[in-house]
PDB file of all heavy atoms in Angstrom:
ATOM      1  N   TYR A   1       0.802  -1.215   0.012  1.00  0.00           N
ATOM      2  CA  TYR A   1       0.008   0.012   0.005  1.00  0.00           C
ATOM      3  C   TYR A   1       0.823   1.265   0.010  1.00  0.00           C
ATOM      4  O   TYR A   1       0.298   2.350  -0.211  1.00  0.00           O
ATOM      5  CB  TYR A   1      -0.986   0.028   1.148  1.00  0.00           C
ATOM      6  CG  TYR A   1      -0.364   0.080   2.524  1.00  0.00           C
ATOM      7  CD1 TYR A   1      -0.200   1.365   3.136  1.00  0.00           C
ATOM      8  CD2 TYR A   1       0.016  -1.027   3.220  1.00  0.00           C
ATOM      9  CE1 TYR A   1       0.398   1.459   4.403  1.00  0.00           C
ATOM     10  CE2 TYR A   1       0.555  -0.890   4.466  1.00  0.00           C
ATOM     11  CZ  TYR A   1       0.728   0.308   5.077  1.00  0.00           C
ATOM     12  OH  TYR A   1       1.323   0.395   6.305  1.00  0.00           O
ATOM     13  N   ALA A   2       2.158   1.155   0.268  1.00  0.00           N
ATOM     14  CA  ALA A   2       3.004   2.329   0.252  1.00  0.00           C
ATOM     15  C   ALA A   2       4.475   1.921   0.309  1.00  0.00           C
ATOM     16  O   ALA A   2       4.789   0.761   0.634  1.00  0.00           O
ATOM     17  CB  ALA A   2       2.670   3.274   1.378  1.00  0.00           C
ATOM     18  N   GLU A   3       5.303   2.900   0.153  1.00  0.00           N
ATOM     19  CA  GLU A   3       6.749   2.735   0.365  1.00  0.00           C
ATOM     20  C   GLU A   3       7.224   3.915   1.238  1.00  0.00           C
ATOM     21  O   GLU A   3       6.756   5.032   0.998  1.00  0.00           O
ATOM     22  CB  GLU A   3       7.558   2.718  -0.893  1.00  0.00           C
ATOM     23  CG  GLU A   3       7.337   1.428  -1.694  1.00  0.00           C
ATOM     24  CD  GLU A   3       8.258   1.373  -2.900  1.00  0.00           C
ATOM     25  OE1 GLU A   3       9.415   1.860  -2.774  1.00  0.00           O
ATOM     26  OE2 GLU A   3       7.866   0.779  -3.906  1.00  0.00           O
ATOM     27  N   ALA A   4       8.095   3.685   2.244  1.00  0.00           N
ATOM     28  CA  ALA A   4       8.524   4.652   3.145  1.00  0.00           C
ATOM     29  C   ALA A   4       9.986   4.400   3.469  1.00  0.00           C
ATOM     30  O   ALA A   4      10.271   3.355   3.975  1.00  0.00           O
ATOM     31  CB  ALA A   4       7.677   4.734   4.404  1.00  0.00           C
ATOM     32  N   GLY A   5      10.845   5.343   3.197  1.00  0.00           N
ATOM     33  CA  GLY A   5      12.218   5.227   3.536  1.00  0.00           C
ATOM     34  C   GLY A   5      12.856   4.008   2.860  1.00  0.00           C
ATOM     35  O   GLY A   5      13.730   3.352   3.454  1.00  0.00           O
ATOM     36  N   GLY A   6      12.424   3.637   1.699  1.00  0.00           N
ATOM     37  CA  GLY A   6      12.905   2.487   0.960  1.00  0.00           C
ATOM     38  C   GLY A   6      12.297   1.184   1.445  1.00  0.00           C
ATOM     39  O   GLY A   6      12.662   0.113   0.872  1.00  0.00           O
ATOM     40  N   ASP A   7      11.418   1.212   2.402  1.00  0.00           N
ATOM     41  CA  ASP A   7      10.748  -0.052   2.817  1.00  0.00           C
ATOM     42  C   ASP A   7       9.382  -0.109   2.175  1.00  0.00           C
ATOM     43  O   ASP A   7       8.648   0.855   2.032  1.00  0.00           O
ATOM     44  CB  ASP A   7      10.520  -0.056   4.358  1.00  0.00           C
ATOM     45  CG  ASP A   7      11.852  -0.135   5.101  1.00  0.00           C
ATOM     46  OD1 ASP A   7      12.780  -0.838   4.601  1.00  0.00           O
ATOM     47  OD2 ASP A   7      11.914   0.445   6.203  1.00  0.00           O
ATOM     48  N   VAL A   8       9.018  -1.330   1.780  1.00  0.00           N
ATOM     49  CA  VAL A   8       7.671  -1.588   1.192  1.00  0.00           C
ATOM     50  C   VAL A   8       6.758  -1.876   2.395  1.00  0.00           C
ATOM     51  O   VAL A   8       7.067  -2.731   3.238  1.00  0.00           O
ATOM     52  CB  VAL A   8       7.747  -2.783   0.234  1.00  0.00           C
ATOM     53  CG1 VAL A   8       6.340  -3.140  -0.249  1.00  0.00           C
ATOM     54  CG2 VAL A   8       8.589  -2.465  -0.942  1.00  0.00           C
ATOM     55  N   LEU A   9       5.648  -1.200   2.393  1.00  0.00           N
ATOM     56  CA  LEU A   9       4.641  -1.380   3.526  1.00  0.00           C
ATOM     57  C   LEU A   9       3.506  -2.226   2.950  1.00  0.00           C
ATOM     58  O   LEU A   9       2.924  -1.933   1.890  1.00  0.00           O
ATOM     59  CB  LEU A   9       4.097  -0.016   4.044  1.00  0.00           C
ATOM     60  CG  LEU A   9       5.199   0.914   4.474  1.00  0.00           C
ATOM     61  CD1 LEU A   9       4.536   2.243   4.914  1.00  0.00           C
ATOM     62  CD2 LEU A   9       6.030   0.344   5.593  1.00  0.00           C
ATOM     63  N   LYS A  10       3.213  -3.271   3.666  1.00  0.00           N
ATOM     64  CA  LYS A  10       2.189  -4.238   3.186  1.00  0.00           C
ATOM     65  C   LYS A  10       1.093  -4.408   4.254  1.00  0.00           C
ATOM     66  O   LYS A  10       1.279  -4.123   5.451  1.00  0.00           O
ATOM     67  CB  LYS A  10       2.806  -5.630   2.951  1.00  0.00           C
ATOM     68  CG  LYS A  10       3.889  -5.668   1.905  1.00  0.00           C
ATOM     69  CD  LYS A  10       4.469  -6.985   1.776  1.00  0.00           C
ATOM     70  CE  LYS A  10       5.650  -7.011   0.736  1.00  0.00           C
ATOM     71  NZ  LYS A  10       6.210  -8.359   0.666  1.00  0.00           N
ATOM     72  N   LEU A  11      -0.053  -4.904   3.813  1.00  0.00           N
ATOM     73  CA  LEU A  11      -1.157  -5.173   4.749  1.00  0.00           C
ATOM     74  C   LEU A  11      -1.818  -6.449   4.300  1.00  0.00           C
ATOM     75  O   LEU A  11      -1.644  -6.939   3.174  1.00  0.00           O
ATOM     76  CB  LEU A  11      -2.171  -4.047   4.768  1.00  0.00           C
ATOM     77  CG  LEU A  11      -2.927  -3.677   3.461  1.00  0.00           C
ATOM     78  CD1 LEU A  11      -4.157  -4.614   3.274  1.00  0.00           C
ATOM     79  CD2 LEU A  11      -3.409  -2.274   3.513  1.00  0.00           C
ATOM     80  N   ASP A  12      -2.516  -7.096   5.234  1.00  0.00           N
ATOM     81  CA  ASP A  12      -3.341  -8.270   4.977  1.00  0.00           C
ATOM     82  C   ASP A  12      -4.806  -7.825   5.076  1.00  0.00           C
ATOM     83  O   ASP A  12      -5.180  -7.115   6.013  1.00  0.00           O
ATOM     84  CB  ASP A  12      -3.048  -9.399   5.935  1.00  0.00           C
ATOM     85  CG  ASP A  12      -1.652  -9.957   5.869  1.00  0.00           C
ATOM     86  OD1 ASP A  12      -0.979  -9.751   4.843  1.00  0.00           O
ATOM     87  OD2 ASP A  12      -1.203 -10.536   6.890  1.00  0.00           O
ATOM     88  N   ALA A  13      -5.666  -8.285   4.177  1.00  0.00           N
ATOM     89  CA  ALA A  13      -7.071  -7.940   4.219  1.00  0.00           C
ATOM     90  C   ALA A  13      -7.875  -9.214   4.416  1.00  0.00           C
ATOM     91  O   ALA A  13      -7.611 -10.232   3.814  1.00  0.00           O
ATOM     92  CB  ALA A  13      -7.514  -7.258   2.943  1.00  0.00           C
ATOM     93  N   TYR A  14      -8.885  -9.163   5.320  1.00  0.00           N
ATOM     94  CA  TYR A  14      -9.744 -10.281   5.618  1.00  0.00           C
ATOM     95  C   TYR A  14     -11.185  -9.752   5.510  1.00  0.00           C
ATOM     96  O   TYR A  14     -11.478  -8.697   6.003  1.00  0.00           O
ATOM     97  CB  TYR A  14      -9.505 -10.746   7.065  1.00  0.00           C
ATOM     98  CG  TYR A  14      -8.145 -11.182   7.365  1.00  0.00           C
ATOM     99  CD1 TYR A  14      -7.175 -10.252   7.679  1.00  0.00           C
ATOM    100  CD2 TYR A  14      -7.822 -12.548   7.394  1.00  0.00           C
ATOM    101  CE1 TYR A  14      -5.879 -10.655   7.969  1.00  0.00           C
ATOM    102  CE2 TYR A  14      -6.522 -12.939   7.670  1.00  0.00           C
ATOM    103  CZ  TYR A  14      -5.560 -12.010   7.947  1.00  0.00           C
ATOM    104  OH  TYR A  14      -4.262 -12.424   8.230  1.00  0.00           O
ATOM    105  N   TRP A  15     -12.068 -10.514   4.868  1.00  0.00           N
ATOM    106  CA  TRP A  15     -13.459 -10.088   4.794  1.00  0.00           C
ATOM    107  C   TRP A  15     -14.368 -11.337   4.721  1.00  0.00           C
ATOM    108  O   TRP A  15     -13.955 -12.357   4.233  1.00  0.00           O
ATOM    109  CB  TRP A  15     -13.656  -9.137   3.573  1.00  0.00           C
ATOM    110  CG  TRP A  15     -13.437  -9.712   2.241  1.00  0.00           C
ATOM    111  CD1 TRP A  15     -14.397 -10.237   1.409  1.00  0.00           C
ATOM    112  CD2 TRP A  15     -12.209  -9.906   1.536  1.00  0.00           C
ATOM    113  NE1 TRP A  15     -13.867 -10.702   0.264  1.00  0.00           N
ATOM    114  CE2 TRP A  15     -12.472 -10.475   0.309  1.00  0.00           C
ATOM    115  CE3 TRP A  15     -10.880  -9.596   1.899  1.00  0.00           C
ATOM    116  CZ2 TRP A  15     -11.501 -10.798  -0.598  1.00  0.00           C
ATOM    117  CZ3 TRP A  15      -9.876  -9.915   0.977  1.00  0.00           C
ATOM    118  CH2 TRP A  15     -10.184 -10.478  -0.262  1.00  0.00           C
ATOM    119  N   PRO A  16     -15.581 -11.156   5.210  1.00  0.00           N
ATOM    120  CA  PRO A  16     -16.467 -12.314   5.281  1.00  0.00           C
ATOM    121  C   PRO A  16     -17.099 -12.658   3.907  1.00  0.00           C
ATOM    122  O   PRO A  16     -17.116 -11.800   3.002  1.00  0.00           O
ATOM    123  CB  PRO A  16     -17.614 -11.849   6.201  1.00  0.00           C
ATOM    124  CG  PRO A  16     -17.544 -10.377   6.193  1.00  0.00           C
ATOM    125  CD  PRO A  16     -16.140 -10.002   5.900  1.00  0.00           C
ATOM    126  N   ALA A  17     -17.538 -13.914   3.776  1.00  0.00           N
ATOM    127  CA  ALA A  17     -18.145 -14.323   2.561  1.00  0.00           C
ATOM    128  C   ALA A  17     -19.599 -13.968   2.436  1.00  0.00           C
ATOM    129  O   ALA A  17     -20.178 -13.978   1.366  1.00  0.00           O
ATOM    130  CB  ALA A  17     -17.987 -15.843   2.404  1.00  0.00           C
ATOM    131  N   THR A  18     -20.169 -13.640   3.558  1.00  0.00           N
ATOM    132  CA  THR A  18     -21.610 -13.293   3.575  1.00  0.00           C
ATOM    133  C   THR A  18     -21.826 -11.803   3.473  1.00  0.00           C
ATOM    134  O   THR A  18     -20.907 -11.001   3.675  1.00  0.00           O
ATOM    135  CB  THR A  18     -22.237 -13.754   4.913  1.00  0.00           C
ATOM    136  OG1 THR A  18     -21.563 -13.113   5.958  1.00  0.00           O
ATOM    137  CG2 THR A  18     -22.101 -15.292   5.023  1.00  0.00           C
ATOM    138  N   HIS A  19     -23.033 -11.470   3.035  1.00  0.00           N
ATOM    139  CA  HIS A  19     -23.355 -10.020   2.887  1.00  0.00           C
ATOM    140  C   HIS A  19     -23.530  -9.403   4.266  1.00  0.00           C
ATOM    141  O   HIS A  19     -23.988 -10.124   5.228  1.00  0.00           O
ATOM    142  CB  HIS A  19     -24.633  -9.856   2.081  1.00  0.00           C
ATOM    143  CG  HIS A  19     -24.456 -10.238   0.650  1.00  0.00           C
ATOM    144  ND1 HIS A  19     -23.787  -9.448  -0.235  1.00  0.00           N
ATOM    145  CD2 HIS A  19     -24.859 -11.341  -0.042  1.00  0.00           C
ATOM    146  CE1 HIS A  19     -23.758 -10.071  -1.401  1.00  0.00           C
ATOM    147  NE2 HIS A  19     -24.370 -11.223  -1.303  1.00  0.00           N
ATOM    148  N   GLY A  20     -23.259  -8.151   4.395  1.00  0.00           N
ATOM    149  CA  GLY A  20     -23.251  -7.463   5.712  1.00  0.00           C
ATOM    150  C   GLY A  20     -24.588  -6.874   5.990  1.00  0.00           C
ATOM    151  O   GLY A  20     -25.600  -7.256   5.421  1.00  0.00           O
ATOM    152  N   PRO A  21     -24.643  -5.944   6.874  1.00  0.00           N
ATOM    153  CA  PRO A  21     -23.438  -5.265   7.406  1.00  0.00           C
ATOM    154  C   PRO A  21     -22.686  -6.094   8.403  1.00  0.00           C
ATOM    155  O   PRO A  21     -23.231  -6.975   9.089  1.00  0.00           O
ATOM    156  CB  PRO A  21     -24.027  -4.021   8.091  1.00  0.00           C
ATOM    157  CG  PRO A  21     -25.447  -4.471   8.496  1.00  0.00           C
ATOM    158  CD  PRO A  21     -25.896  -5.399   7.447  1.00  0.00           C
ATOM    159  N   HIS A  22     -21.390  -5.859   8.485  1.00  0.00           N
ATOM    160  CA  HIS A  22     -20.513  -6.524   9.411  1.00  0.00           C
ATOM    161  C   HIS A  22     -19.700  -5.520  10.185  1.00  0.00           C
ATOM    162  O   HIS A  22     -19.396  -4.442   9.620  1.00  0.00           O
ATOM    163  CB  HIS A  22     -19.497  -7.459   8.669  1.00  0.00           C
ATOM    164  CG  HIS A  22     -20.180  -8.571   7.928  1.00  0.00           C
ATOM    165  ND1 HIS A  22     -20.748  -9.659   8.544  1.00  0.00           N
ATOM    166  CD2 HIS A  22     -20.392  -8.772   6.619  1.00  0.00           C
ATOM    167  CE1 HIS A  22     -21.247 -10.446   7.651  1.00  0.00           C
ATOM    168  NE2 HIS A  22     -21.046  -9.936   6.471  1.00  0.00           N
ATOM    169  N   PRO A  23     -19.299  -5.849  11.385  1.00  0.00           N
ATOM    170  CA  PRO A  23     -18.375  -4.891  12.102  1.00  0.00           C
ATOM    171  C   PRO A  23     -17.013  -4.881  11.422  1.00  0.00           C
ATOM    172  O   PRO A  23     -16.687  -5.779  10.649  1.00  0.00           O
ATOM    173  CB  PRO A  23     -18.266  -5.510  13.501  1.00  0.00           C
ATOM    174  CG  PRO A  23     -18.655  -6.942  13.306  1.00  0.00           C
ATOM    175  CD  PRO A  23     -19.607  -7.003  12.139  1.00  0.00           C
ATOM    176  N   MET A  24     -16.259  -3.864  11.672  1.00  0.00           N
ATOM    177  CA  MET A  24     -14.917  -3.724  11.095  1.00  0.00           C
ATOM    178  C   MET A  24     -13.906  -3.415  12.156  1.00  0.00           C
ATOM    179  O   MET A  24     -14.209  -2.706  13.076  1.00  0.00           O
ATOM    180  CB  MET A  24     -14.937  -2.627  10.031  1.00  0.00           C
ATOM    181  CG  MET A  24     -13.670  -2.439   9.321  1.00  0.00           C
ATOM    182  SD  MET A  24     -13.784  -1.124   8.118  1.00  0.00           S
ATOM    183  CE  MET A  24     -12.279  -0.316   8.351  1.00  0.00           C
TER     184      MET A  24
END
């Protein structure tokens, strides 16, 4: 999602298979 000071910044995304609404 970004680079900072030469480091690559990453994230993991998790989401439900069912329709919401769901808490976040």
